[in-house]
Amino acid sequence: MLKNILFDFDGVILDSMPIRDFGFREIFKKFPQEQVEKLIEFHRKNGGLSRFVKIKYFFEEIRGEKISEEKILEIANTFSQIMKNELANKKYLIGQTLEFLKESNHNLHIVSGSEEKELQFLCEQLEISHLFISIHGSPTPKGKLVAELIEKQKYKKAETILIGDSINDYEASFENGIEFYGYNNSELQKFKYLTSFDPIWKLS
């Protein structure tokens, strides 16, 4: 019987990918466009990874130069400010997800690659914080977030699922031994996949 649901945030609760794209283009606008587009491609394929990982990837893998943790944090803070300004708008909430969250009697949590304080701020602004028992984000990797949450809440893995829109969400589920359901990303249709939340009601 399903009792506990862990939700990714971007692309599952909030249709934020175009805004995230804009944010990365904005913070790296002084760099060559072809390098920025390589980052955007990496970002889209790895939605569940944190911005800290993506910023480091941009410098070390795309540009071939070292970057300090302090500089990563500085750039991430700039990105976060852009996100707070742009994403605190209810028009980006995904309707069918919001409807499910409001009607659900499951134990609901957010485990996201988005920066944790920004994530909690956005949930407050969007007036959805009260729908969740807890809200977790980066820089802690998602796999570790899931492991810590299951241990702290003493959840049974057989009663717990993760719903996400990226391969990183699947990997976090797999490494923790819980069921994964893909959502809002056709590349995940090789796994269990939701086009509506009806199958979730049937598991409960």
N, C-alpha and C. Protein backbone atom coordinates (compact mmCIF):
# COMPACT_ATOMS: atom_id res chain seq x y z
N MET A 1 0.84 -1.21 0.00
CA MET A 1 0.00 0.00 0.00
C MET A 1 0.88 1.26 0.00
N LEU A 2 0.56 2.18 -0.86
CA LEU A 2 1.34 3.41 -0.97
C LEU A 2 0.95 4.40 0.12
N LYS A 3 1.97 4.87 0.87
CA LYS A 3 1.71 5.84 1.93
C LYS A 3 2.52 7.13 1.78
N ASN A 4 3.71 7.01 1.17
CA ASN A 4 4.65 8.13 1.16
C ASN A 4 5.08 8.47 -0.27
N ILE A 5 4.98 9.75 -0.62
CA ILE A 5 5.36 10.18 -1.97
C ILE A 5 6.39 11.31 -1.89
N LEU A 6 7.52 11.09 -2.54
CA LEU A 6 8.57 12.11 -2.63
C LEU A 6 8.49 12.74 -4.01
N PHE A 7 8.32 14.03 -4.05
CA PHE A 7 8.17 14.76 -5.32
C PHE A 7 9.44 15.53 -5.66
N ASP A 8 9.85 15.43 -6.92
CA ASP A 8 10.78 16.40 -7.47
C ASP A 8 9.99 17.71 -7.61
N PHE A 9 10.67 18.82 -7.76
CA PHE A 9 10.00 20.12 -7.83
C PHE A 9 9.90 20.64 -9.27
N ASP A 10 11.05 20.91 -9.88
CA ASP A 10 11.06 21.46 -11.24
C ASP A 10 10.52 20.44 -12.24
N GLY A 11 9.52 20.85 -13.00
CA GLY A 11 8.96 19.99 -14.03
C GLY A 11 7.89 19.04 -13.54
N VAL A 12 7.73 18.94 -12.22
CA VAL A 12 6.70 18.06 -11.65
C VAL A 12 5.65 18.88 -10.91
N ILE A 13 6.11 19.81 -10.08
CA ILE A 13 5.21 20.71 -9.36
C ILE A 13 5.16 22.07 -10.06
N LEU A 14 6.31 22.52 -10.52
CA LEU A 14 6.42 23.84 -11.16
C LEU A 14 7.01 23.69 -12.56
N ASP A 15 6.38 24.31 -13.53
CA ASP A 15 6.86 24.27 -14.92
C ASP A 15 7.94 25.34 -15.08
N SER A 16 9.11 25.03 -14.56
CA SER A 16 10.14 26.05 -14.39
C SER A 16 11.31 25.95 -15.36
N MET A 17 11.35 24.91 -16.18
CA MET A 17 12.54 24.69 -17.02
C MET A 17 12.90 25.89 -17.90
N PRO A 18 11.94 26.53 -18.59
CA PRO A 18 12.31 27.70 -19.40
C PRO A 18 12.93 28.83 -18.57
N ILE A 19 12.46 28.99 -17.33
CA ILE A 19 13.00 30.03 -16.46
C ILE A 19 14.40 29.65 -15.99
N ARG A 20 14.61 28.37 -15.70
CA ARG A 20 15.95 27.91 -15.33
C ARG A 20 16.92 28.13 -16.50
N ASP A 21 16.46 27.82 -17.72
CA ASP A 21 17.29 28.08 -18.91
C ASP A 21 17.69 29.55 -18.95
N PHE A 22 16.71 30.43 -18.78
CA PHE A 22 16.95 31.87 -18.79
C PHE A 22 17.98 32.26 -17.73
N GLY A 23 17.85 31.67 -16.54
CA GLY A 23 18.77 31.98 -15.44
C GLY A 23 20.21 31.63 -15.78
N PHE A 24 20.42 30.44 -16.36
CA PHE A 24 21.78 30.05 -16.73
C PHE A 24 22.34 30.94 -17.84
N ARG A 25 21.49 31.28 -18.80
CA ARG A 25 21.96 32.18 -19.87
C ARG A 25 22.32 33.55 -19.30
N GLU A 26 21.57 33.99 -18.31
CA GLU A 26 21.79 35.30 -17.71
C GLU A 26 23.11 35.34 -16.92
N ILE A 27 23.36 34.32 -16.09
CA ILE A 27 24.58 34.36 -15.26
C ILE A 27 25.84 34.13 -16.09
N PHE A 28 25.69 33.52 -17.27
CA PHE A 28 26.86 33.25 -18.12
C PHE A 28 26.83 34.06 -19.42
N LYS A 29 26.13 35.19 -19.42
CA LYS A 29 25.95 35.95 -20.66
C LYS A 29 27.25 36.56 -21.20
N LYS A 30 28.27 36.66 -20.36
CA LYS A 30 29.55 37.22 -20.81
C LYS A 30 30.44 36.18 -21.48
N PHE A 31 30.00 34.92 -21.46
CA PHE A 31 30.80 33.83 -22.03
C PHE A 31 30.32 33.50 -23.44
N PRO A 32 31.15 32.80 -24.24
CA PRO A 32 30.75 32.44 -25.60
C PRO A 32 29.42 31.66 -25.62
N GLN A 33 28.57 32.04 -26.56
CA GLN A 33 27.22 31.47 -26.61
C GLN A 33 27.24 29.96 -26.81
N GLU A 34 28.18 29.46 -27.63
CA GLU A 34 28.20 28.02 -27.88
C GLU A 34 28.53 27.23 -26.62
N GLN A 35 29.34 27.83 -25.72
CA GLN A 35 29.65 27.18 -24.44
C GLN A 35 28.42 27.17 -23.54
N VAL A 36 27.70 28.28 -23.53
CA VAL A 36 26.48 28.37 -22.71
C VAL A 36 25.43 27.37 -23.20
N GLU A 37 25.32 27.21 -24.51
CA GLU A 37 24.35 26.26 -25.06
C GLU A 37 24.70 24.82 -24.70
N LYS A 38 25.99 24.53 -24.60
CA LYS A 38 26.41 23.19 -24.14
C LYS A 38 25.96 22.96 -22.70
N LEU A 39 26.05 24.01 -21.90
CA LEU A 39 25.59 23.90 -20.51
C LEU A 39 24.07 23.70 -20.46
N ILE A 40 23.34 24.45 -21.28
CA ILE A 40 21.87 24.31 -21.31
C ILE A 40 21.49 22.88 -21.68
N GLU A 41 22.20 22.31 -22.63
CA GLU A 41 21.94 20.92 -23.03
C GLU A 41 22.18 19.96 -21.86
N PHE A 42 23.31 20.16 -21.15
CA PHE A 42 23.63 19.35 -19.98
C PHE A 42 22.57 19.53 -18.89
N HIS A 43 22.18 20.77 -18.68
CA HIS A 43 21.16 21.11 -17.67
C HIS A 43 19.84 20.39 -17.96
N ARG A 44 19.41 20.40 -19.20
CA ARG A 44 18.13 19.78 -19.56
C ARG A 44 18.16 18.27 -19.43
N LYS A 45 19.32 17.69 -19.70
CA LYS A 45 19.43 16.23 -19.58
C LYS A 45 19.57 15.78 -18.13
N ASN A 46 19.96 16.70 -17.27
CA ASN A 46 20.25 16.36 -15.87
C ASN A 46 19.49 17.28 -14.92
N GLY A 47 18.17 17.32 -15.11
CA GLY A 47 17.34 18.22 -14.32
C GLY A 47 17.47 18.04 -12.83
N GLY A 48 17.77 16.81 -12.38
CA GLY A 48 17.84 16.54 -10.95
C GLY A 48 19.14 16.94 -10.29
N LEU A 49 20.15 17.32 -11.09
CA LEU A 49 21.42 17.75 -10.51
C LEU A 49 21.33 19.20 -10.05
N SER A 50 22.10 19.52 -9.02
CA SER A 50 22.04 20.88 -8.47
C SER A 50 22.76 21.88 -9.36
N ARG A 51 22.45 23.15 -9.17
CA ARG A 51 23.12 24.22 -9.92
C ARG A 51 24.61 24.27 -9.58
N PHE A 52 24.97 23.85 -8.36
CA PHE A 52 26.38 23.84 -7.96
C PHE A 52 27.18 22.90 -8.87
N VAL A 53 26.60 21.73 -9.13
CA VAL A 53 27.22 20.75 -10.03
C VAL A 53 27.29 21.32 -11.45
N LYS A 54 26.22 21.98 -11.89
CA LYS A 54 26.15 22.50 -13.27
C LYS A 54 27.12 23.67 -13.48
N ILE A 55 27.26 24.52 -12.48
CA ILE A 55 28.20 25.64 -12.58
C ILE A 55 29.64 25.11 -12.66
N LYS A 56 29.93 24.12 -11.81
CA LYS A 56 31.27 23.50 -11.84
C LYS A 56 31.51 22.83 -13.19
N TYR A 57 30.50 22.15 -13.70
CA TYR A 57 30.61 21.48 -15.00
C TYR A 57 30.92 22.49 -16.10
N PHE A 58 30.25 23.64 -16.06
CA PHE A 58 30.46 24.67 -17.08
C PHE A 58 31.92 25.09 -17.14
N PHE A 59 32.49 25.36 -15.96
CA PHE A 59 33.88 25.84 -15.94
C PHE A 59 34.88 24.72 -16.20
N GLU A 60 34.72 23.59 -15.52
CA GLU A 60 35.77 22.57 -15.56
C GLU A 60 35.66 21.65 -16.77
N GLU A 61 34.44 21.33 -17.21
CA GLU A 61 34.28 20.40 -18.33
C GLU A 61 34.13 21.12 -19.67
N ILE A 62 33.38 22.22 -19.69
CA ILE A 62 33.16 22.93 -20.95
C ILE A 62 34.29 23.91 -21.24
N ARG A 63 34.68 24.69 -20.22
CA ARG A 63 35.72 25.70 -20.44
C ARG A 63 37.13 25.19 -20.10
N GLY A 64 37.22 24.07 -19.38
CA GLY A 64 38.53 23.51 -19.06
C GLY A 64 39.33 24.34 -18.09
N GLU A 65 38.66 24.99 -17.14
CA GLU A 65 39.38 25.79 -16.14
C GLU A 65 38.84 25.49 -14.74
N LYS A 66 39.71 25.64 -13.77
CA LYS A 66 39.34 25.37 -12.38
C LYS A 66 38.47 26.51 -11.84
N ILE A 67 37.60 26.16 -10.89
CA ILE A 67 36.80 27.18 -10.22
C ILE A 67 36.72 26.82 -8.74
N SER A 68 36.85 27.83 -7.87
CA SER A 68 36.83 27.59 -6.43
C SER A 68 35.40 27.39 -5.94
N GLU A 69 35.28 26.76 -4.79
CA GLU A 69 33.95 26.56 -4.18
C GLU A 69 33.30 27.90 -3.86
N GLU A 70 34.13 28.88 -3.47
CA GLU A 70 33.61 30.22 -3.15
C GLU A 70 32.98 30.88 -4.38
N LYS A 71 33.66 30.73 -5.51
CA LYS A 71 33.15 31.33 -6.75
C LYS A 71 31.88 30.62 -7.21
N ILE A 72 31.83 29.30 -7.05
CA ILE A 72 30.61 28.54 -7.39
C ILE A 72 29.45 29.07 -6.56
N LEU A 73 29.70 29.27 -5.27
CA LEU A 73 28.65 29.75 -4.36
C LEU A 73 28.19 31.15 -4.75
N GLU A 74 29.13 32.00 -5.12
CA GLU A 74 28.80 33.37 -5.53
C GLU A 74 27.90 33.38 -6.77
N ILE A 75 28.26 32.57 -7.77
CA ILE A 75 27.45 32.49 -9.00
C ILE A 75 26.09 31.86 -8.70
N ALA A 76 26.09 30.84 -7.85
CA ALA A 76 24.82 30.18 -7.48
C ALA A 76 23.88 31.14 -6.77
N ASN A 77 24.43 32.03 -5.95
CA ASN A 77 23.60 33.02 -5.26
C ASN A 77 22.96 34.00 -6.24
N THR A 78 23.71 34.39 -7.26
CA THR A 78 23.16 35.27 -8.30
C THR A 78 22.02 34.56 -9.04
N PHE A 79 22.26 33.30 -9.37
CA PHE A 79 21.23 32.49 -10.04
C PHE A 79 19.98 32.40 -9.17
N SER A 80 20.18 32.18 -7.88
CA SER A 80 19.07 32.03 -6.94
C SER A 80 18.22 33.29 -6.87
N GLN A 81 18.87 34.45 -6.92
CA GLN A 81 18.12 35.71 -6.87
C GLN A 81 17.24 35.87 -8.10
N ILE A 82 17.77 35.48 -9.26
CA ILE A 82 16.97 35.53 -10.50
C ILE A 82 15.77 34.61 -10.37
N MET A 83 15.99 33.41 -9.82
CA MET A 83 14.91 32.43 -9.68
C MET A 83 13.82 32.93 -8.73
N LYS A 84 14.24 33.53 -7.63
CA LYS A 84 13.26 34.06 -6.67
C LYS A 84 12.39 35.13 -7.31
N ASN A 85 13.00 35.95 -8.13
CA ASN A 85 12.26 37.03 -8.79
C ASN A 85 11.30 36.50 -9.85
N GLU A 86 11.71 35.45 -10.55
CA GLU A 86 10.95 34.98 -11.71
C GLU A 86 9.92 33.90 -11.38
N LEU A 87 10.25 33.01 -10.44
CA LEU A 87 9.44 31.79 -10.27
C LEU A 87 8.34 31.87 -9.22
N ALA A 88 8.33 32.93 -8.44
CA ALA A 88 7.31 33.03 -7.37
C ALA A 88 5.97 33.48 -7.95
N ASN A 89 5.55 32.80 -8.99
CA ASN A 89 4.31 33.15 -9.70
C ASN A 89 3.48 31.88 -9.88
N LYS A 90 2.26 31.90 -9.39
CA LYS A 90 1.42 30.70 -9.39
C LYS A 90 1.08 30.21 -10.79
N LYS A 91 1.28 31.04 -11.80
CA LYS A 91 0.95 30.61 -13.17
C LYS A 91 1.84 29.46 -13.62
N TYR A 92 2.99 29.28 -12.94
CA TYR A 92 3.91 28.20 -13.33
C TYR A 92 3.58 26.87 -12.64
N LEU A 93 2.66 26.87 -11.67
CA LEU A 93 2.28 25.62 -11.01
C LEU A 93 1.59 24.70 -12.01
N ILE A 94 1.91 23.41 -11.96
CA ILE A 94 1.31 22.43 -12.87
C ILE A 94 -0.02 21.98 -12.29
N GLY A 95 -1.09 22.28 -13.02
CA GLY A 95 -2.46 22.13 -12.50
C GLY A 95 -2.80 20.77 -11.96
N GLN A 96 -2.53 19.71 -12.72
CA GLN A 96 -2.96 18.39 -12.25
C GLN A 96 -2.15 17.92 -11.05
N THR A 97 -0.89 18.36 -10.96
CA THR A 97 -0.10 18.03 -9.77
C THR A 97 -0.65 18.74 -8.55
N LEU A 98 -0.94 20.02 -8.70
CA LEU A 98 -1.47 20.81 -7.59
C LEU A 98 -2.79 20.22 -7.09
N GLU A 99 -3.64 19.82 -8.01
CA GLU A 99 -4.93 19.21 -7.64
C GLU A 99 -4.71 17.93 -6.84
N PHE A 100 -3.76 17.10 -7.28
CA PHE A 100 -3.46 15.87 -6.56
C PHE A 100 -2.93 16.18 -5.16
N LEU A 101 -2.01 17.13 -5.06
CA LEU A 101 -1.41 17.48 -3.76
C LEU A 101 -2.48 17.93 -2.77
N LYS A 102 -3.44 18.69 -3.25
CA LYS A 102 -4.49 19.21 -2.36
C LYS A 102 -5.44 18.12 -1.89
N GLU A 103 -5.65 17.11 -2.73
CA GLU A 103 -6.61 16.04 -2.40
C GLU A 103 -5.95 14.86 -1.69
N SER A 104 -4.63 14.76 -1.78
CA SER A 104 -3.92 13.58 -1.29
C SER A 104 -3.95 13.47 0.23
N ASN A 105 -4.01 12.22 0.71
CA ASN A 105 -3.86 11.97 2.15
C ASN A 105 -2.57 11.19 2.42
N HIS A 106 -1.65 11.21 1.44
CA HIS A 106 -0.35 10.56 1.60
C HIS A 106 0.59 11.47 2.40
N ASN A 107 1.70 10.89 2.85
CA ASN A 107 2.78 11.69 3.43
C ASN A 107 3.60 12.26 2.27
N LEU A 108 3.56 13.57 2.10
CA LEU A 108 4.17 14.21 0.93
C LEU A 108 5.44 14.98 1.31
N HIS A 109 6.47 14.85 0.48
CA HIS A 109 7.73 15.55 0.68
C HIS A 109 8.25 16.04 -0.67
N ILE A 110 9.07 17.08 -0.64
CA ILE A 110 9.81 17.51 -1.83
C ILE A 110 11.28 17.15 -1.64
N VAL A 111 11.86 16.50 -2.67
CA VAL A 111 13.32 16.27 -2.72
C VAL A 111 13.77 16.79 -4.08
N SER A 112 14.53 17.86 -4.07
CA SER A 112 14.80 18.59 -5.32
C SER A 112 16.28 18.89 -5.49
N GLY A 113 16.67 19.08 -6.76
CA GLY A 113 18.01 19.56 -7.06
C GLY A 113 18.14 21.06 -6.90
N SER A 114 17.02 21.75 -6.70
CA SER A 114 17.05 23.20 -6.48
C SER A 114 17.62 23.52 -5.10
N GLU A 115 18.22 24.69 -4.98
CA GLU A 115 18.83 25.09 -3.71
C GLU A 115 17.76 25.17 -2.62
N GLU A 116 18.07 24.60 -1.45
CA GLU A 116 17.04 24.35 -0.44
C GLU A 116 16.34 25.62 0.07
N LYS A 117 17.10 26.65 0.41
CA LYS A 117 16.46 27.86 0.95
C LYS A 117 15.60 28.55 -0.10
N GLU A 118 16.09 28.56 -1.34
CA GLU A 118 15.31 29.14 -2.44
C GLU A 118 14.02 28.34 -2.65
N LEU A 119 14.14 27.03 -2.58
CA LEU A 119 13.00 26.13 -2.75
C LEU A 119 11.94 26.39 -1.68
N GLN A 120 12.39 26.51 -0.44
CA GLN A 120 11.45 26.77 0.66
C GLN A 120 10.80 28.14 0.52
N PHE A 121 11.59 29.13 0.07
CA PHE A 121 11.05 30.47 -0.20
C PHE A 121 9.97 30.42 -1.27
N LEU A 122 10.25 29.72 -2.38
CA LEU A 122 9.29 29.63 -3.48
C LEU A 122 8.01 28.94 -3.04
N CYS A 123 8.14 27.87 -2.27
CA CYS A 123 6.95 27.15 -1.80
C CYS A 123 6.09 28.03 -0.91
N GLU A 124 6.74 28.87 -0.10
CA GLU A 124 5.98 29.83 0.73
C GLU A 124 5.26 30.84 -0.16
N GLN A 125 5.98 31.39 -1.14
CA GLN A 125 5.39 32.40 -2.03
C GLN A 125 4.25 31.81 -2.86
N LEU A 126 4.39 30.56 -3.24
CA LEU A 126 3.37 29.88 -4.05
C LEU A 126 2.23 29.31 -3.20
N GLU A 127 2.39 29.44 -1.88
CA GLU A 127 1.37 28.99 -0.91
C GLU A 127 1.09 27.49 -1.02
N ILE A 128 2.19 26.72 -1.12
CA ILE A 128 2.04 25.25 -1.16
C ILE A 128 2.83 24.56 -0.05
N SER A 129 3.56 25.31 0.77
CA SER A 129 4.40 24.71 1.82
C SER A 129 3.61 23.80 2.73
N HIS A 130 2.39 24.21 3.06
CA HIS A 130 1.57 23.46 4.02
C HIS A 130 1.14 22.09 3.50
N LEU A 131 1.32 21.85 2.21
CA LEU A 131 0.92 20.57 1.62
C LEU A 131 1.96 19.47 1.87
N PHE A 132 3.14 19.88 2.35
CA PHE A 132 4.26 18.94 2.50
C PHE A 132 4.71 18.83 3.95
N ILE A 133 5.13 17.62 4.32
CA ILE A 133 5.71 17.40 5.65
C ILE A 133 7.09 18.06 5.71
N SER A 134 7.85 17.95 4.62
CA SER A 134 9.18 18.57 4.59
C SER A 134 9.57 18.90 3.15
N ILE A 135 10.49 19.86 3.02
CA ILE A 135 10.94 20.35 1.71
C ILE A 135 12.47 20.39 1.73
N HIS A 136 13.09 19.58 0.85
CA HIS A 136 14.54 19.43 0.85
C HIS A 136 15.14 19.72 -0.52
N GLY A 137 16.32 20.34 -0.51
CA GLY A 137 16.99 20.65 -1.77
C GLY A 137 18.50 20.56 -1.66
N SER A 138 19.18 21.06 -2.70
CA SER A 138 20.65 21.02 -2.76
C SER A 138 21.24 22.08 -1.81
N PRO A 139 22.53 21.98 -1.47
CA PRO A 139 23.56 21.21 -2.18
C PRO A 139 23.65 19.72 -1.87
N THR A 140 22.89 19.20 -0.90
CA THR A 140 22.93 17.75 -0.66
C THR A 140 22.44 17.01 -1.90
N PRO A 141 23.19 16.03 -2.41
CA PRO A 141 22.74 15.27 -3.59
C PRO A 141 21.41 14.56 -3.32
N LYS A 142 20.61 14.41 -4.38
CA LYS A 142 19.25 13.89 -4.22
C LYS A 142 19.23 12.48 -3.62
N GLY A 143 20.15 11.63 -4.04
CA GLY A 143 20.19 10.27 -3.48
C GLY A 143 20.34 10.28 -1.98
N LYS A 144 21.20 11.18 -1.48
CA LYS A 144 21.42 11.30 -0.04
C LYS A 144 20.20 11.91 0.65
N LEU A 145 19.56 12.90 0.00
CA LEU A 145 18.34 13.49 0.56
C LEU A 145 17.28 12.42 0.79
N VAL A 146 17.11 11.56 -0.22
CA VAL A 146 16.10 10.49 -0.14
C VAL A 146 16.45 9.53 0.99
N ALA A 147 17.71 9.11 1.06
CA ALA A 147 18.15 8.17 2.10
C ALA A 147 17.91 8.74 3.50
N GLU A 148 18.29 10.00 3.69
CA GLU A 148 18.14 10.63 5.00
C GLU A 148 16.67 10.80 5.38
N LEU A 149 15.84 11.14 4.39
CA LEU A 149 14.42 11.33 4.66
C LEU A 149 13.75 10.01 5.07
N ILE A 150 14.04 8.94 4.33
CA ILE A 150 13.46 7.63 4.64
C ILE A 150 13.87 7.18 6.03
N GLU A 151 15.14 7.40 6.36
CA GLU A 151 15.64 6.99 7.68
C GLU A 151 15.00 7.83 8.79
N LYS A 152 14.96 9.13 8.61
CA LYS A 152 14.41 10.02 9.64
C LYS A 152 12.93 9.75 9.88
N GLN A 153 12.17 9.55 8.80
CA GLN A 153 10.72 9.34 8.93
C GLN A 153 10.36 7.89 9.24
N LYS A 154 11.38 7.01 9.17
CA LYS A 154 11.17 5.57 9.40
C LYS A 154 10.13 4.99 8.43
N TYR A 155 10.22 5.41 7.17
CA TYR A 155 9.30 4.92 6.15
C TYR A 155 9.73 3.54 5.66
N LYS A 156 8.75 2.72 5.33
CA LYS A 156 9.03 1.45 4.67
C LYS A 156 9.21 1.72 3.18
N LYS A 157 10.26 1.17 2.61
CA LYS A 157 10.56 1.44 1.20
C LYS A 157 9.45 0.95 0.28
N ALA A 158 8.81 -0.15 0.65
CA ALA A 158 7.73 -0.72 -0.18
C ALA A 158 6.50 0.19 -0.20
N GLU A 159 6.43 1.13 0.74
CA GLU A 159 5.28 2.04 0.82
C GLU A 159 5.63 3.44 0.32
N THR A 160 6.79 3.57 -0.33
CA THR A 160 7.32 4.88 -0.71
C THR A 160 7.68 4.92 -2.19
N ILE A 161 7.32 6.02 -2.87
CA ILE A 161 7.72 6.21 -4.27
C ILE A 161 8.30 7.62 -4.45
N LEU A 162 9.02 7.79 -5.56
CA LEU A 162 9.51 9.10 -5.96
C LEU A 162 8.96 9.41 -7.35
N ILE A 163 8.42 10.61 -7.52
CA ILE A 163 7.92 11.06 -8.82
C ILE A 163 8.85 12.17 -9.32
N GLY A 164 9.43 11.97 -10.51
CA GLY A 164 10.37 12.95 -11.03
C GLY A 164 10.38 13.02 -12.54
N ASP A 165 11.08 14.02 -13.06
CA ASP A 165 11.09 14.23 -14.52
C ASP A 165 12.49 14.10 -15.12
N SER A 166 13.43 13.51 -14.38
CA SER A 166 14.78 13.38 -14.94
C SER A 166 15.39 12.03 -14.57
N ILE A 167 16.41 11.66 -15.32
CA ILE A 167 17.11 10.39 -15.06
C ILE A 167 17.76 10.42 -13.69
N ASN A 168 18.13 11.60 -13.19
CA ASN A 168 18.72 11.71 -11.86
C ASN A 168 17.72 11.32 -10.78
N ASP A 169 16.44 11.59 -11.02
CA ASP A 169 15.40 11.18 -10.08
C ASP A 169 15.29 9.65 -10.04
N TYR A 170 15.35 9.05 -11.23
CA TYR A 170 15.34 7.58 -11.30
C TYR A 170 16.53 7.00 -10.53
N GLU A 171 17.70 7.58 -10.74
CA GLU A 171 18.91 7.08 -10.09
C GLU A 171 18.81 7.19 -8.56
N ALA A 172 18.25 8.30 -8.08
CA ALA A 172 18.06 8.48 -6.63
C ALA A 172 17.09 7.44 -6.07
N SER A 173 16.06 7.12 -6.84
CA SER A 173 15.10 6.08 -6.43
C SER A 173 15.77 4.72 -6.40
N PHE A 174 16.49 4.41 -7.48
CA PHE A 174 17.12 3.09 -7.63
C PHE A 174 18.12 2.84 -6.51
N GLU A 175 18.96 3.83 -6.21
CA GLU A 175 20.00 3.61 -5.20
C GLU A 175 19.42 3.49 -3.79
N ASN A 176 18.17 3.92 -3.62
CA ASN A 176 17.52 3.80 -2.32
C ASN A 176 16.47 2.69 -2.27
N GLY A 177 16.33 1.96 -3.37
CA GLY A 177 15.42 0.81 -3.38
C GLY A 177 13.95 1.16 -3.30
N ILE A 178 13.56 2.32 -3.86
CA ILE A 178 12.14 2.67 -3.88
C ILE A 178 11.66 2.79 -5.33
N GLU A 179 10.35 2.67 -5.51
CA GLU A 179 9.75 2.72 -6.84
C GLU A 179 9.84 4.13 -7.42
N PHE A 180 10.09 4.21 -8.72
CA PHE A 180 10.16 5.49 -9.42
C PHE A 180 9.04 5.60 -10.44
N TYR A 181 8.46 6.78 -10.53
CA TYR A 181 7.48 7.09 -11.57
C TYR A 181 7.95 8.34 -12.32
N GLY A 182 8.13 8.20 -13.63
CA GLY A 182 8.49 9.34 -14.46
C GLY A 182 7.28 10.22 -14.74
N TYR A 183 7.55 11.49 -15.00
CA TYR A 183 6.47 12.46 -15.24
C TYR A 183 7.00 13.60 -16.09
N ASN A 184 6.22 14.02 -17.08
CA ASN A 184 6.51 15.24 -17.84
C ASN A 184 7.83 15.19 -18.61
N ASN A 185 8.25 13.99 -19.00
CA ASN A 185 9.47 13.84 -19.80
C ASN A 185 9.38 12.52 -20.56
N SER A 186 9.10 12.60 -21.86
CA SER A 186 8.85 11.39 -22.66
C SER A 186 10.04 10.43 -22.68
N GLU A 187 11.24 10.94 -22.40
CA GLU A 187 12.42 10.07 -22.38
C GLU A 187 12.37 9.06 -21.23
N LEU A 188 11.48 9.29 -20.27
CA LEU A 188 11.37 8.39 -19.10
C LEU A 188 10.27 7.35 -19.27
N GLN A 189 9.68 7.26 -20.45
CA GLN A 189 8.57 6.33 -20.65
C GLN A 189 9.00 4.87 -20.61
N LYS A 190 10.31 4.61 -20.63
CA LYS A 190 10.79 3.23 -20.48
C LYS A 190 10.64 2.76 -19.03
N PHE A 191 10.42 3.70 -18.11
CA PHE A 191 10.14 3.36 -16.72
C PHE A 191 8.63 3.45 -16.48
N LYS A 192 8.19 3.20 -15.26
CA LYS A 192 6.79 3.47 -14.93
C LYS A 192 6.57 4.97 -15.15
N TYR A 193 5.46 5.31 -15.79
CA TYR A 193 5.30 6.69 -16.26
C TYR A 193 3.87 7.18 -16.06
N LEU A 194 3.76 8.41 -15.58
CA LEU A 194 2.45 9.01 -15.31
C LEU A 194 2.09 10.06 -16.35
N THR A 195 0.90 9.95 -16.91
CA THR A 195 0.33 11.04 -17.70
C THR A 195 -0.77 11.72 -16.91
N SER A 196 -1.21 11.05 -15.84
CA SER A 196 -2.14 11.62 -14.87
C SER A 196 -1.83 10.96 -13.53
N PHE A 197 -2.50 11.38 -12.48
CA PHE A 197 -2.24 10.80 -11.17
C PHE A 197 -3.21 9.68 -10.81
N ASP A 198 -4.04 9.28 -11.76
CA ASP A 198 -4.99 8.19 -11.50
C ASP A 198 -4.31 6.90 -11.03
N PRO A 199 -3.19 6.49 -11.66
CA PRO A 199 -2.54 5.25 -11.19
C PRO A 199 -2.07 5.33 -9.73
N ILE A 200 -1.74 6.54 -9.28
CA ILE A 200 -1.27 6.70 -7.89
C ILE A 200 -2.42 6.48 -6.91
N TRP A 201 -3.59 6.98 -7.25
CA TRP A 201 -4.76 6.75 -6.39
C TRP A 201 -5.02 5.25 -6.24
N LYS A 202 -4.81 4.51 -7.33
CA LYS A 202 -5.10 3.06 -7.31
C LYS A 202 -4.11 2.29 -6.44
N LEU A 203 -2.93 2.87 -6.21
CA LEU A 203 -1.92 2.21 -5.37
C LEU A 203 -2.20 2.41 -3.88
N SER A 204 -3.08 3.34 -3.57
CA SER A 204 -3.25 3.78 -2.18
C SER A 204 -4.29 2.95 -1.43
